[in-house]
């Protein structure tokens, strides 16, 4: 199986009304805390969804890619010319993450997967 995209977020200033914009333009039902699920294009009859959030931070977009071993994947990132932005860390009760920058400087995230789902520490 190819590496799945397991999460994304969209950031901007708190007063930017990003949740309203994405709801109005794309129909995303965004909860008051910014969380939502976006449909993923799929050849199946019932398209799967992808978890996402709107947050208040400097503007940027991040994709979080699911991998079995964040430390091993970060080693591959470095070997291929990328840089570690944040080594493997745990968000208790939620997820295990790591962040990197690709050779062009794009910031991306990794989510540690176990049995096909995000590992919850």
PDB file of N, CA and C in Angstrom:
ATOM      1  N   UNK A   1       0.848  -1.188   0.000  1.00  0.00           N
ATOM      2  CA  UNK A   1       0.000   0.000   0.000  1.00  0.00           C
ATOM      3  C   UNK A   1       0.888   1.244   0.000  1.00  0.00           C
ATOM      4  N   UNK A   2       0.524   2.227  -0.779  1.00  0.00           N
ATOM      5  CA  UNK A   2       1.260   3.493  -0.810  1.00  0.00           C
ATOM      6  C   UNK A   2       1.033   4.242   0.497  1.00  0.00           C
ATOM      7  N   UNK A   3       1.947   5.125   0.831  1.00  0.00           N
ATOM      8  CA  UNK A   3       1.840   5.919   2.057  1.00  0.00           C
ATOM      9  C   UNK A   3       0.594   6.797   2.002  1.00  0.00           C
ATOM     10  N   UNK A   4      -0.315   6.651   2.977  1.00  0.00           N
ATOM     11  CA  UNK A   4      -1.542   7.448   2.940  1.00  0.00           C
ATOM     12  C   UNK A   4      -1.351   8.827   3.557  1.00  0.00           C
ATOM     13  N   UNK A   5      -2.126   9.775   3.097  1.00  0.00           N
ATOM     14  CA  UNK A   5      -2.229  11.064   3.781  1.00  0.00           C
ATOM     15  C   UNK A   5      -3.271  10.839   4.861  1.00  0.00           C
ATOM     16  N   UNK A   6      -2.907  11.097   6.129  1.00  0.00           N
ATOM     17  CA  UNK A   6      -3.821  10.787   7.224  1.00  0.00           C
ATOM     18  C   UNK A   6      -4.416  12.010   7.913  1.00  0.00           C
ATOM     19  N   UNK A   7      -3.929  13.195   7.587  1.00  0.00           N
ATOM     20  CA  UNK A   7      -4.412  14.389   8.276  1.00  0.00           C
ATOM     21  C   UNK A   7      -3.902  15.611   7.534  1.00  0.00           C
ATOM     22  N   UNK A   8      -4.615  16.707   7.597  1.00  0.00           N
ATOM     23  CA  UNK A   8      -4.078  17.984   7.138  1.00  0.00           C
ATOM     24  C   UNK A   8      -4.660  19.091   7.982  1.00  0.00           C
ATOM     25  N   UNK A   9      -3.962  20.223   8.004  1.00  0.00           N
ATOM     26  CA  UNK A   9      -4.521  21.380   8.686  1.00  0.00           C
ATOM     27  C   UNK A   9      -4.223  22.620   7.869  1.00  0.00           C
ATOM     28  N   UNK A  10      -4.961  23.669   8.139  1.00  0.00           N
ATOM     29  CA  UNK A  10      -4.827  24.943   7.443  1.00  0.00           C
ATOM     30  C   UNK A  10      -4.761  26.005   8.518  1.00  0.00           C
ATOM     31  N   UNK A  11      -3.724  26.821   8.477  1.00  0.00           N
ATOM     32  CA  UNK A  11      -3.533  27.802   9.551  1.00  0.00           C
ATOM     33  C   UNK A  11      -3.607  29.231   9.028  1.00  0.00           C
ATOM     34  N   UNK A  12      -3.999  30.127   9.922  1.00  0.00           N
ATOM     35  CA  UNK A  12      -4.042  31.546   9.629  1.00  0.00           C
ATOM     36  C   UNK A  12      -4.341  32.303  10.904  1.00  0.00           C
ATOM     37  N   UNK A  13      -4.296  33.610  10.847  1.00  0.00           N
ATOM     38  CA  UNK A  13      -4.609  34.410  12.045  1.00  0.00           C
ATOM     39  C   UNK A  13      -5.999  34.079  12.569  1.00  0.00           C
ATOM     40  N   UNK A  14      -6.168  34.185  13.880  1.00  0.00           N
ATOM     41  CA  UNK A  14      -7.430  33.819  14.530  1.00  0.00           C
ATOM     42  C   UNK A  14      -8.628  34.555  13.939  1.00  0.00           C
ATOM     43  N   UNK A  15      -8.447  35.784  13.535  1.00  0.00           N
ATOM     44  CA  UNK A  15      -9.566  36.578  13.028  1.00  0.00           C
ATOM     45  C   UNK A  15      -9.799  36.400  11.525  1.00  0.00           C
ATOM     46  N   UNK A  16      -9.176  35.422  10.910  1.00  0.00           N
ATOM     47  CA  UNK A  16      -9.263  35.290   9.454  1.00  0.00           C
ATOM     48  C   UNK A  16     -10.529  34.582   8.975  1.00  0.00           C
ATOM     49  N   UNK A  17     -11.328  34.040   9.886  1.00  0.00           N
ATOM     50  CA  UNK A  17     -12.571  33.366   9.525  1.00  0.00           C
ATOM     51  C   UNK A  17     -12.363  32.237   8.525  1.00  0.00           C
ATOM     52  N   UNK A  18     -11.258  31.487   8.686  1.00  0.00           N
ATOM     53  CA  UNK A  18     -10.990  30.392   7.769  1.00  0.00           C
ATOM     54  C   UNK A  18     -12.083  29.330   7.797  1.00  0.00           C
ATOM     55  N   UNK A  19     -12.621  29.037   8.972  1.00  0.00           N
ATOM     56  CA  UNK A  19     -13.663  28.013   9.058  1.00  0.00           C
ATOM     57  C   UNK A  19     -14.872  28.417   8.213  1.00  0.00           C
ATOM     58  N   UNK A  20     -15.286  29.664   8.307  1.00  0.00           N
ATOM     59  CA  UNK A  20     -16.421  30.145   7.520  1.00  0.00           C
ATOM     60  C   UNK A  20     -16.095  30.087   6.030  1.00  0.00           C
ATOM     61  N   UNK A  21     -14.913  30.517   5.657  1.00  0.00           N
ATOM     62  CA  UNK A  21     -14.510  30.488   4.261  1.00  0.00           C
ATOM     63  C   UNK A  21     -14.590  29.071   3.692  1.00  0.00           C
ATOM     64  N   UNK A  22     -13.973  28.106   4.364  1.00  0.00           N
ATOM     65  CA  UNK A  22     -13.960  26.738   3.848  1.00  0.00           C
ATOM     66  C   UNK A  22     -15.343  26.088   3.880  1.00  0.00           C
ATOM     67  N   UNK A  23     -16.157  26.480   4.857  1.00  0.00           N
ATOM     68  CA  UNK A  23     -17.529  25.987   4.873  1.00  0.00           C
ATOM     69  C   UNK A  23     -18.298  26.565   3.684  1.00  0.00           C
ATOM     70  N   UNK A  24     -18.173  27.869   3.506  1.00  0.00           N
ATOM     71  CA  UNK A  24     -18.934  28.526   2.446  1.00  0.00           C
ATOM     72  C   UNK A  24     -18.468  28.114   1.050  1.00  0.00           C
ATOM     73  N   UNK A  25     -17.203  27.985   0.854  1.00  0.00           N
ATOM     74  CA  UNK A  25     -16.679  27.678  -0.478  1.00  0.00           C
ATOM     75  C   UNK A  25     -16.741  26.190  -0.802  1.00  0.00           C
ATOM     76  N   UNK A  26     -16.399  25.331   0.167  1.00  0.00           N
ATOM     77  CA  UNK A  26     -16.289  23.899  -0.104  1.00  0.00           C
ATOM     78  C   UNK A  26     -17.314  23.033   0.619  1.00  0.00           C
ATOM     79  N   UNK A  27     -18.129  23.641   1.487  1.00  0.00           N
ATOM     80  CA  UNK A  27     -19.160  22.883   2.170  1.00  0.00           C
ATOM     81  C   UNK A  27     -18.671  22.041   3.332  1.00  0.00           C
ATOM     82  N   UNK A  28     -17.455  22.268   3.800  1.00  0.00           N
ATOM     83  CA  UNK A  28     -16.933  21.505   4.930  1.00  0.00           C
ATOM     84  C   UNK A  28     -17.681  21.912   6.201  1.00  0.00           C
ATOM     85  N   UNK A  29     -18.183  20.938   6.933  1.00  0.00           N
ATOM     86  CA  UNK A  29     -18.858  21.172   8.204  1.00  0.00           C
ATOM     87  C   UNK A  29     -17.793  21.209   9.289  1.00  0.00           C
ATOM     88  N   UNK A  30     -17.433  22.387   9.745  1.00  0.00           N
ATOM     89  CA  UNK A  30     -16.323  22.582  10.670  1.00  0.00           C
ATOM     90  C   UNK A  30     -16.876  22.872  12.062  1.00  0.00           C
ATOM     91  N   UNK A  31     -16.446  22.068  13.033  1.00  0.00           N
ATOM     92  CA  UNK A  31     -16.891  22.225  14.419  1.00  0.00           C
ATOM     93  C   UNK A  31     -16.315  23.508  15.017  1.00  0.00           C
ATOM     94  N   UNK A  32     -16.897  24.001  16.122  1.00  0.00           N
ATOM     95  CA  UNK A  32     -16.391  25.204  16.772  1.00  0.00           C
ATOM     96  C   UNK A  32     -14.905  25.125  17.142  1.00  0.00           C
ATOM     97  N   UNK A  33     -14.399  23.895  17.411  1.00  0.00           N
ATOM     98  CA  UNK A  33     -12.972  23.764  17.753  1.00  0.00           C
ATOM     99  C   UNK A  33     -12.091  23.677  16.506  1.00  0.00           C
ATOM    100  N   UNK A  34     -12.686  23.770  15.318  1.00  0.00           N
ATOM    101  CA  UNK A  34     -11.920  23.764  14.071  1.00  0.00           C
ATOM    102  C   UNK A  34     -11.782  22.401  13.417  1.00  0.00           C
ATOM    103  N   UNK A  35     -12.204  21.344  14.065  1.00  0.00           N
ATOM    104  CA  UNK A  35     -12.041  20.003  13.502  1.00  0.00           C
ATOM    105  C   UNK A  35     -13.121  19.696  12.474  1.00  0.00           C
ATOM    106  N   UNK A  36     -12.749  18.919  11.472  1.00  0.00           N
ATOM    107  CA  UNK A  36     -13.697  18.477  10.458  1.00  0.00           C
ATOM    108  C   UNK A  36     -13.128  17.280   9.719  1.00  0.00           C
ATOM    109  N   UNK A  37     -13.955  16.650   8.924  1.00  0.00           N
ATOM    110  CA  UNK A  37     -13.521  15.546   8.068  1.00  0.00           C
ATOM    111  C   UNK A  37     -13.835  15.930   6.630  1.00  0.00           C
ATOM    112  N   UNK A  38     -12.858  15.814   5.763  1.00  0.00           N
ATOM    113  CA  UNK A  38     -13.041  16.139   4.351  1.00  0.00           C
ATOM    114  C   UNK A  38     -13.108  14.847   3.548  1.00  0.00           C
ATOM    115  N   UNK A  39     -13.990  14.806   2.597  1.00  0.00           N
ATOM    116  CA  UNK A  39     -14.110  13.633   1.747  1.00  0.00           C
ATOM    117  C   UNK A  39     -12.888  13.535   0.842  1.00  0.00           C
ATOM    118  N   UNK A  40     -12.453  12.303   0.616  1.00  0.00           N
ATOM    119  CA  UNK A  40     -11.306  12.035  -0.239  1.00  0.00           C
ATOM    120  C   UNK A  40     -11.820  11.409  -1.527  1.00  0.00           C
ATOM    121  N   UNK A  41     -11.337  11.876  -2.661  1.00  0.00           N
ATOM    122  CA  UNK A  41     -11.733  11.292  -3.937  1.00  0.00           C
ATOM    123  C   UNK A  41     -11.279   9.842  -3.979  1.00  0.00           C
ATOM    124  N   UNK A  42     -12.194   8.966  -4.360  1.00  0.00           N
ATOM    125  CA  UNK A  42     -11.892   7.546  -4.344  1.00  0.00           C
ATOM    126  C   UNK A  42     -12.729   6.833  -5.393  1.00  0.00           C
ATOM    127  N   UNK A  43     -12.192   5.758  -5.971  1.00  0.00           N
ATOM    128  CA  UNK A  43     -12.993   5.004  -6.934  1.00  0.00           C
ATOM    129  C   UNK A  43     -14.032   4.101  -6.268  1.00  0.00           C
ATOM    130  N   UNK A  44     -14.090   4.081  -4.941  1.00  0.00           N
ATOM    131  CA  UNK A  44     -15.061   3.247  -4.241  1.00  0.00           C
ATOM    132  C   UNK A  44     -16.434   3.909  -4.254  1.00  0.00           C
ATOM    133  N   UNK A  45     -17.460   3.154  -3.902  1.00  0.00           N
ATOM    134  CA  UNK A  45     -18.820   3.696  -3.880  1.00  0.00           C
ATOM    135  C   UNK A  45     -19.007   4.743  -2.785  1.00  0.00           C
ATOM    136  N   UNK A  46     -18.401   4.528  -1.624  1.00  0.00           N
ATOM    137  CA  UNK A  46     -18.526   5.459  -0.504  1.00  0.00           C
ATOM    138  C   UNK A  46     -17.145   6.043  -0.228  1.00  0.00           C
ATOM    139  N   UNK A  47     -16.874   7.273  -0.703  1.00  0.00           N
ATOM    140  CA  UNK A  47     -15.539   7.838  -0.505  1.00  0.00           C
ATOM    141  C   UNK A  47     -15.170   7.932   0.980  1.00  0.00           C
ATOM    142  N   UNK A  48     -13.935   7.568   1.310  1.00  0.00           N
ATOM    143  CA  UNK A  48     -13.470   7.723   2.685  1.00  0.00           C
ATOM    144  C   UNK A  48     -13.272   9.202   3.008  1.00  0.00           C
ATOM    145  N   UNK A  49     -13.076   9.500   4.262  1.00  0.00           N
ATOM    146  CA  UNK A  49     -12.814  10.884   4.667  1.00  0.00           C
ATOM    147  C   UNK A  49     -11.416  10.999   5.241  1.00  0.00           C
ATOM    148  N   UNK A  50     -10.968  12.218   5.377  1.00  0.00           N
ATOM    149  CA  UNK A  50      -9.681  12.519   5.987  1.00  0.00           C
ATOM    150  C   UNK A  50      -9.929  13.524   7.102  1.00  0.00           C
ATOM    151  N   UNK A  51      -9.338  13.303   8.257  1.00  0.00           N
ATOM    152  CA  UNK A  51      -9.512  14.213   9.384  1.00  0.00           C
ATOM    153  C   UNK A  51      -8.703  15.481   9.138  1.00  0.00           C
ATOM    154  N   UNK A  52      -9.202  16.596   9.632  1.00  0.00           N
ATOM    155  CA  UNK A  52      -8.541  17.873   9.395  1.00  0.00           C
ATOM    156  C   UNK A  52      -8.940  18.863  10.476  1.00  0.00           C
ATOM    157  N   UNK A  53      -8.271  20.012  10.494  1.00  0.00           N
ATOM    158  CA  UNK A  53      -8.599  21.063  11.462  1.00  0.00           C
ATOM    159  C   UNK A  53      -8.225  22.428  10.908  1.00  0.00           C
ATOM    160  N   UNK A  54      -8.897  23.456  11.387  1.00  0.00           N
ATOM    161  CA  UNK A  54      -8.525  24.852  11.153  1.00  0.00           C
ATOM    162  C   UNK A  54      -7.938  25.311  12.481  1.00  0.00           C
ATOM    163  N   UNK A  55      -6.774  25.947  12.459  1.00  0.00           N
ATOM    164  CA  UNK A  55      -6.139  26.375  13.707  1.00  0.00           C
ATOM    165  C   UNK A  55      -5.646  27.805  13.586  1.00  0.00           C
ATOM    166  N   UNK A  56      -5.366  28.430  14.722  1.00  0.00           N
ATOM    167  CA  UNK A  56      -4.864  29.802  14.756  1.00  0.00           C
ATOM    168  C   UNK A  56      -3.357  29.776  14.948  1.00  0.00           C
ATOM    169  N   UNK A  57      -2.641  30.016  13.894  1.00  0.00           N
ATOM    170  CA  UNK A  57      -1.180  30.072  13.865  1.00  0.00           C
ATOM    171  C   UNK A  57      -0.792  30.858  12.633  1.00  0.00           C
ATOM    172  N   UNK A  58       0.502  31.073  12.428  1.00  0.00           N
ATOM    173  CA  UNK A  58       0.905  31.720  11.166  1.00  0.00           C
ATOM    174  C   UNK A  58       0.407  30.886   9.982  1.00  0.00           C
ATOM    175  N   UNK A  59       0.049  31.533   8.871  1.00  0.00           N
ATOM    176  CA  UNK A  59      -0.476  30.810   7.722  1.00  0.00           C
ATOM    177  C   UNK A  59       0.499  29.755   7.196  1.00  0.00           C
ATOM    178  N   UNK A  60      -0.004  28.568   6.992  1.00  0.00           N
ATOM    179  CA  UNK A  60       0.719  27.484   6.341  1.00  0.00           C
ATOM    180  C   UNK A  60      -0.248  26.332   6.145  1.00  0.00           C
ATOM    181  N   UNK A  61       0.122  25.396   5.299  1.00  0.00           N
ATOM    182  CA  UNK A  61      -0.652  24.190   5.102  1.00  0.00           C
ATOM    183  C   UNK A  61       0.278  23.019   5.353  1.00  0.00           C
ATOM    184  N   UNK A  62      -0.233  21.991   5.989  1.00  0.00           N
ATOM    185  CA  UNK A  62       0.591  20.815   6.245  1.00  0.00           C
ATOM    186  C   UNK A  62      -0.179  19.556   5.908  1.00  0.00           C
ATOM    187  N   UNK A  63       0.508  18.621   5.301  1.00  0.00           N
ATOM    188  CA  UNK A  63      -0.013  17.274   5.122  1.00  0.00           C
ATOM    189  C   UNK A  63       0.677  16.396   6.139  1.00  0.00           C
ATOM    190  N   UNK A  64      -0.062  15.485   6.722  1.00  0.00           N
ATOM    191  CA  UNK A  64       0.496  14.521   7.665  1.00  0.00           C
ATOM    192  C   UNK A  64       0.402  13.151   7.010  1.00  0.00           C
ATOM    193  N   UNK A  65       1.521  12.511   6.817  1.00  0.00           N
ATOM    194  CA  UNK A  65       1.594  11.246   6.110  1.00  0.00           C
ATOM    195  C   UNK A  65       1.759  10.104   7.093  1.00  0.00           C
ATOM    196  N   UNK A  66       0.997   9.043   6.913  1.00  0.00           N
ATOM    197  CA  UNK A  66       1.041   7.905   7.825  1.00  0.00           C
ATOM    198  C   UNK A  66       2.206   6.973   7.530  1.00  0.00           C
ATOM    199  N   UNK A  67       3.008   6.695   8.543  1.00  0.00           N
ATOM    200  CA  UNK A  67       4.165   5.794   8.414  1.00  0.00           C
ATOM    201  C   UNK A  67       4.205   4.856   9.616  1.00  0.00           C
ATOM    202  N   UNK A  68       4.860   3.698   9.446  1.00  0.00           N
ATOM    203  CA  UNK A  68       4.951   2.744  10.549  1.00  0.00           C
ATOM    204  C   UNK A  68       5.977   3.150  11.593  1.00  0.00           C
ATOM    205  N   UNK A  69       7.054   3.823  11.169  1.00  0.00           N
ATOM    206  CA  UNK A  69       8.155   4.154  12.079  1.00  0.00           C
ATOM    207  C   UNK A  69       8.662   5.556  11.747  1.00  0.00           C
ATOM    208  N   UNK A  70       8.296   6.522  12.570  1.00  0.00           N
ATOM    209  CA  UNK A  70       8.671   7.914  12.316  1.00  0.00           C
ATOM    210  C   UNK A  70      10.182   8.098  12.307  1.00  0.00           C
ATOM    211  N   UNK A  71      10.878   7.512  13.283  1.00  0.00           N
ATOM    212  CA  UNK A  71      12.342   7.679  13.331  1.00  0.00           C
ATOM    213  C   UNK A  71      13.000   7.158  12.064  1.00  0.00           C
ATOM    214  N   UNK A  72      12.576   5.996  11.592  1.00  0.00           N
ATOM    215  CA  UNK A  72      13.147   5.434  10.365  1.00  0.00           C
ATOM    216  C   UNK A  72      12.836   6.322   9.166  1.00  0.00           C
ATOM    217  N   UNK A  73      11.604   6.824   9.107  1.00  0.00           N
ATOM    218  CA  UNK A  73      11.214   7.664   7.975  1.00  0.00           C
ATOM    219  C   UNK A  73      11.970   8.991   8.000  1.00  0.00           C
ATOM    220  N   UNK A  74      12.199   9.558   9.197  1.00  0.00           N
ATOM    221  CA  UNK A  74      12.975  10.795   9.283  1.00  0.00           C
ATOM    222  C   UNK A  74      14.413  10.567   8.825  1.00  0.00           C
ATOM    223  N   UNK A  75      14.949   9.393   9.096  1.00  0.00           N
ATOM    224  CA  UNK A  75      16.296   9.062   8.605  1.00  0.00           C
ATOM    225  C   UNK A  75      16.313   9.057   7.086  1.00  0.00           C
ATOM    226  N   UNK A  76      15.263   8.503   6.485  1.00  0.00           N
ATOM    227  CA  UNK A  76      15.159   8.504   5.025  1.00  0.00           C
ATOM    228  C   UNK A  76      15.034   9.928   4.491  1.00  0.00           C
ATOM    229  N   UNK A  77      14.262  10.766   5.184  1.00  0.00           N
ATOM    230  CA  UNK A  77      14.095  12.163   4.776  1.00  0.00           C
ATOM    231  C   UNK A  77      15.451  12.843   4.695  1.00  0.00           C
ATOM    232  N   UNK A  78      16.245  12.681   5.750  1.00  0.00           N
ATOM    233  CA  UNK A  78      17.576  13.304   5.799  1.00  0.00           C
ATOM    234  C   UNK A  78      18.471  12.736   4.693  1.00  0.00           C
ATOM    235  N   UNK A  79      18.417  11.429   4.508  1.00  0.00           N
ATOM    236  CA  UNK A  79      19.253  10.784   3.484  1.00  0.00           C
ATOM    237  C   UNK A  79      18.916  11.289   2.083  1.00  0.00           C
ATOM    238  N   UNK A  80      17.697  11.716   1.885  1.00  0.00           N
ATOM    239  CA  UNK A  80      17.276  12.192   0.570  1.00  0.00           C
ATOM    240  C   UNK A  80      17.326  13.714   0.435  1.00  0.00           C
ATOM    241  N   UNK A  81      17.965  14.399   1.395  1.00  0.00           N
ATOM    242  CA  UNK A  81      18.163  15.842   1.276  1.00  0.00           C
ATOM    243  C   UNK A  81      17.191  16.701   2.045  1.00  0.00           C
ATOM    244  N   UNK A  82      16.288  16.082   2.817  1.00  0.00           N
ATOM    245  CA  UNK A  82      15.369  16.854   3.643  1.00  0.00           C
ATOM    246  C   UNK A  82      15.976  17.132   5.007  1.00  0.00           C
ATOM    247  N   UNK A  83      15.222  17.792   5.863  1.00  0.00           N
ATOM    248  CA  UNK A  83      15.697  18.131   7.209  1.00  0.00           C
ATOM    249  C   UNK A  83      14.624  17.802   8.239  1.00  0.00           C
ATOM    250  N   UNK A  84      15.049  17.385   9.407  1.00  0.00           N
ATOM    251  CA  UNK A  84      14.115  17.142  10.509  1.00  0.00           C
ATOM    252  C   UNK A  84      13.722  18.493  11.095  1.00  0.00           C
ATOM    253  N   UNK A  85      12.441  18.756  11.150  1.00  0.00           N
ATOM    254  CA  UNK A  85      11.933  19.992  11.746  1.00  0.00           C
ATOM    255  C   UNK A  85      11.595  19.758  13.212  1.00  0.00           C
ATOM    256  N   UNK A  86      11.039  18.594  13.521  1.00  0.00           N
ATOM    257  CA  UNK A  86      10.714  18.209  14.896  1.00  0.00           C
ATOM    258  C   UNK A  86      10.823  16.694  14.970  1.00  0.00           C
ATOM    259  N   UNK A  87      11.735  16.166  15.794  1.00  0.00           N
ATOM    260  CA  UNK A  87      11.835  14.715  15.900  1.00  0.00           C
ATOM    261  C   UNK A  87      10.551  14.115  16.470  1.00  0.00           C
ATOM    262  N   UNK A  88      10.460  12.808  16.423  1.00  0.00           N
ATOM    263  CA  UNK A  88       9.285  12.078  16.906  1.00  0.00           C
ATOM    264  C   UNK A  88       8.868  12.578  18.287  1.00  0.00           C
ATOM    265  N   UNK A  89       7.575  12.868  18.455  1.00  0.00           N
ATOM    266  CA  UNK A  89       7.044  13.264  19.759  1.00  0.00           C
ATOM    267  C   UNK A  89       5.621  12.749  19.898  1.00  0.00           C
ATOM    268  N   UNK A  90       5.174  12.634  21.117  1.00  0.00           N
ATOM    269  CA  UNK A  90       3.842  12.110  21.399  1.00  0.00           C
ATOM    270  C   UNK A  90       2.929  13.210  21.914  1.00  0.00           C
ATOM    271  N   UNK A  91       1.702  13.193  21.452  1.00  0.00           N
ATOM    272  CA  UNK A  91       0.649  14.024  22.000  1.00  0.00           C
ATOM    273  C   UNK A  91      -0.245  13.037  22.755  1.00  0.00           C
ATOM    274  N   UNK A  92      -0.071  12.939  24.090  1.00  0.00           N
ATOM    275  CA  UNK A  92      -0.771  11.917  24.866  1.00  0.00           C
ATOM    276  C   UNK A  92      -2.273  11.877  24.586  1.00  0.00           C
ATOM    277  N   UNK A  93      -2.752  10.673  24.342  1.00  0.00           N
ATOM    278  CA  UNK A  93      -4.163  10.462  24.089  1.00  0.00           C
ATOM    279  C   UNK A  93      -4.613  10.784  22.676  1.00  0.00           C
ATOM    280  N   UNK A  94      -3.696  11.303  21.840  1.00  0.00           N
ATOM    281  CA  UNK A  94      -4.097  11.699  20.493  1.00  0.00           C
ATOM    282  C   UNK A  94      -3.295  11.021  19.384  1.00  0.00           C
ATOM    283  N   UNK A  95      -1.980  11.252  19.366  1.00  0.00           N
ATOM    284  CA  UNK A  95      -1.210  10.838  18.186  1.00  0.00           C
ATOM    285  C   UNK A  95       0.289  10.903  18.459  1.00  0.00           C
ATOM    286  N   UNK A  96       1.064  10.216  17.638  1.00  0.00           N
ATOM    287  CA  UNK A  96       2.530  10.291  17.643  1.00  0.00           C
ATOM    288  C   UNK A  96       2.927  10.977  16.339  1.00  0.00           C
ATOM    289  N   UNK A  97       3.712  12.038  16.434  1.00  0.00           N
ATOM    290  CA  UNK A  97       4.054  12.871  15.282  1.00  0.00           C
ATOM    291  C   UNK A  97       5.552  13.044  15.104  1.00  0.00           C
ATOM    292  N   UNK A  98       5.929  13.499  13.952  1.00  0.00           N
ATOM    293  CA  UNK A  98       7.262  13.983  13.628  1.00  0.00           C
ATOM    294  C   UNK A  98       7.090  14.971  12.488  1.00  0.00           C
ATOM    295  N   UNK A  99       7.956  15.973  12.395  1.00  0.00           N
ATOM    296  CA  UNK A  99       7.848  16.975  11.338  1.00  0.00           C
ATOM    297  C   UNK A  99       9.155  17.070  10.574  1.00  0.00           C
ATOM    298  N   UNK A 100       9.056  17.352   9.278  1.00  0.00           N
ATOM    299  CA  UNK A 100      10.252  17.511   8.461  1.00  0.00           C
ATOM    300  C   UNK A 100      10.028  18.585   7.412  1.00  0.00           C
ATOM    301  N   UNK A 101      11.122  19.013   6.795  1.00  0.00           N
ATOM    302  CA  UNK A 101      11.067  19.913   5.645  1.00  0.00           C
ATOM    303  C   UNK A 101      11.676  19.172   4.474  1.00  0.00           C
ATOM    304  N   UNK A 102      10.979  19.238   3.345  1.00  0.00           N
ATOM    305  CA  UNK A 102      11.509  18.598   2.153  1.00  0.00           C
ATOM    306  C   UNK A 102      12.662  19.446   1.599  1.00  0.00           C
ATOM    307  N   UNK A 103      13.353  19.005   0.573  1.00  0.00           N
ATOM    308  CA  UNK A 103      14.482  19.777   0.053  1.00  0.00           C
ATOM    309  C   UNK A 103      14.123  21.201  -0.384  1.00  0.00           C
ATOM    310  N   UNK A 104      12.874  21.442  -0.722  1.00  0.00           N
ATOM    311  CA  UNK A 104      12.446  22.788  -1.106  1.00  0.00           C
ATOM    312  C   UNK A 104      12.050  23.629   0.094  1.00  0.00           C
ATOM    313  N   UNK A 105      12.006  23.026   1.278  1.00  0.00           N
ATOM    314  CA  UNK A 105      11.641  23.757   2.487  1.00  0.00           C
ATOM    315  C   UNK A 105      10.188  23.639   2.897  1.00  0.00           C
ATOM    316  N   UNK A 106       9.395  22.849   2.171  1.00  0.00           N
ATOM    317  CA  UNK A 106       8.000  22.639   2.557  1.00  0.00           C
ATOM    318  C   UNK A 106       7.934  21.817   3.828  1.00  0.00           C
ATOM    319  N   UNK A 107       7.183  22.295   4.804  1.00  0.00           N
ATOM    320  CA  UNK A 107       7.034  21.603   6.081  1.00  0.00           C
ATOM    321  C   UNK A 107       5.923  20.567   5.968  1.00  0.00           C
ATOM    322  N   UNK A 108       6.216  19.352   6.418  1.00  0.00           N
ATOM    323  CA  UNK A 108       5.271  18.244   6.348  1.00  0.00           C
ATOM    324  C   UNK A 108       5.286  17.502   7.670  1.00  0.00           C
ATOM    325  N   UNK A 109       4.224  16.752   7.940  1.00  0.00           N
ATOM    326  CA  UNK A 109       4.146  15.982   9.167  1.00  0.00           C
ATOM    327  C   UNK A 109       4.074  14.495   8.903  1.00  0.00           C
ATOM    328  N   UNK A 110       4.476  13.733   9.893  1.00  0.00           N
ATOM    329  CA  UNK A 110       4.363  12.281   9.874  1.00  0.00           C
ATOM    330  C   UNK A 110       3.505  11.855  11.049  1.00  0.00           C
ATOM    331  N   UNK A 111       2.645  10.888  10.830  1.00  0.00           N
ATOM    332  CA  UNK A 111       1.829  10.295  11.882  1.00  0.00           C
ATOM    333  C   UNK A 111       2.224   8.826  11.965  1.00  0.00           C
ATOM    334  N   UNK A 112       2.553   8.367  13.178  1.00  0.00           N
ATOM    335  CA  UNK A 112       2.921   6.976  13.336  1.00  0.00           C
ATOM    336  C   UNK A 112       1.677   6.104  13.307  1.00  0.00           C
ATOM    337  N   UNK A 113       1.704   5.077  12.448  1.00  0.00           N
ATOM    338  CA  UNK A 113       0.569   4.181  12.243  1.00  0.00           C
ATOM    339  C   UNK A 113       0.856   2.824  12.870  1.00  0.00           C
ATOM    340  N   UNK A 114      -0.194   2.186  13.355  1.00  0.00           N
ATOM    341  CA  UNK A 114      -0.078   0.852  13.937  1.00  0.00           C
ATOM    342  C   UNK A 114      -1.343   0.089  13.541  1.00  0.00           C
ATOM    343  N   UNK A 115      -1.177  -0.989  12.789  1.00  0.00           N
ATOM    344  CA  UNK A 115      -2.340  -1.756  12.351  1.00  0.00           C
ATOM    345  C   UNK A 115      -3.254  -0.975  11.431  1.00  0.00           C
ATOM    346  N   UNK A 116      -2.703  -0.050  10.669  1.00  0.00           N
ATOM    347  CA  UNK A 116      -3.495   0.724   9.718  1.00  0.00           C
ATOM    348  C   UNK A 116      -4.201   1.936  10.283  1.00  0.00           C
ATOM    349  N   UNK A 117      -4.006   2.235  11.579  1.00  0.00           N
ATOM    350  CA  UNK A 117      -4.612   3.423  12.190  1.00  0.00           C
ATOM    351  C   UNK A 117      -3.540   4.215  12.944  1.00  0.00           C
ATOM    352  N   UNK A 118      -3.824   5.483  13.165  1.00  0.00           N
ATOM    353  CA  UNK A 118      -2.879   6.335  13.891  1.00  0.00           C
ATOM    354  C   UNK A 118      -2.656   5.768  15.293  1.00  0.00           C
ATOM    355  N   UNK A 119      -1.393   5.677  15.672  1.00  0.00           N
ATOM    356  CA  UNK A 119      -1.026   5.172  17.012  1.00  0.00           C
ATOM    357  C   UNK A 119      -1.374   6.228  18.053  1.00  0.00           C
ATOM    358  N   UNK A 120      -2.064   5.808  19.102  1.00  0.00           N
ATOM    359  CA  UNK A 120      -2.442   6.723  20.188  1.00  0.00           C
ATOM    360  C   UNK A 120      -1.606   6.368  21.411  1.00  0.00           C
ATOM    361  N   UNK A 121      -0.752   7.299  21.853  1.00  0.00           N
ATOM    362  CA  UNK A 121       0.103   7.014  23.024  1.00  0.00           C
ATOM    363  C   UNK A 121      -0.668   7.062  24.339  1.00  0.00           C
TER     364      UNK A 121
END
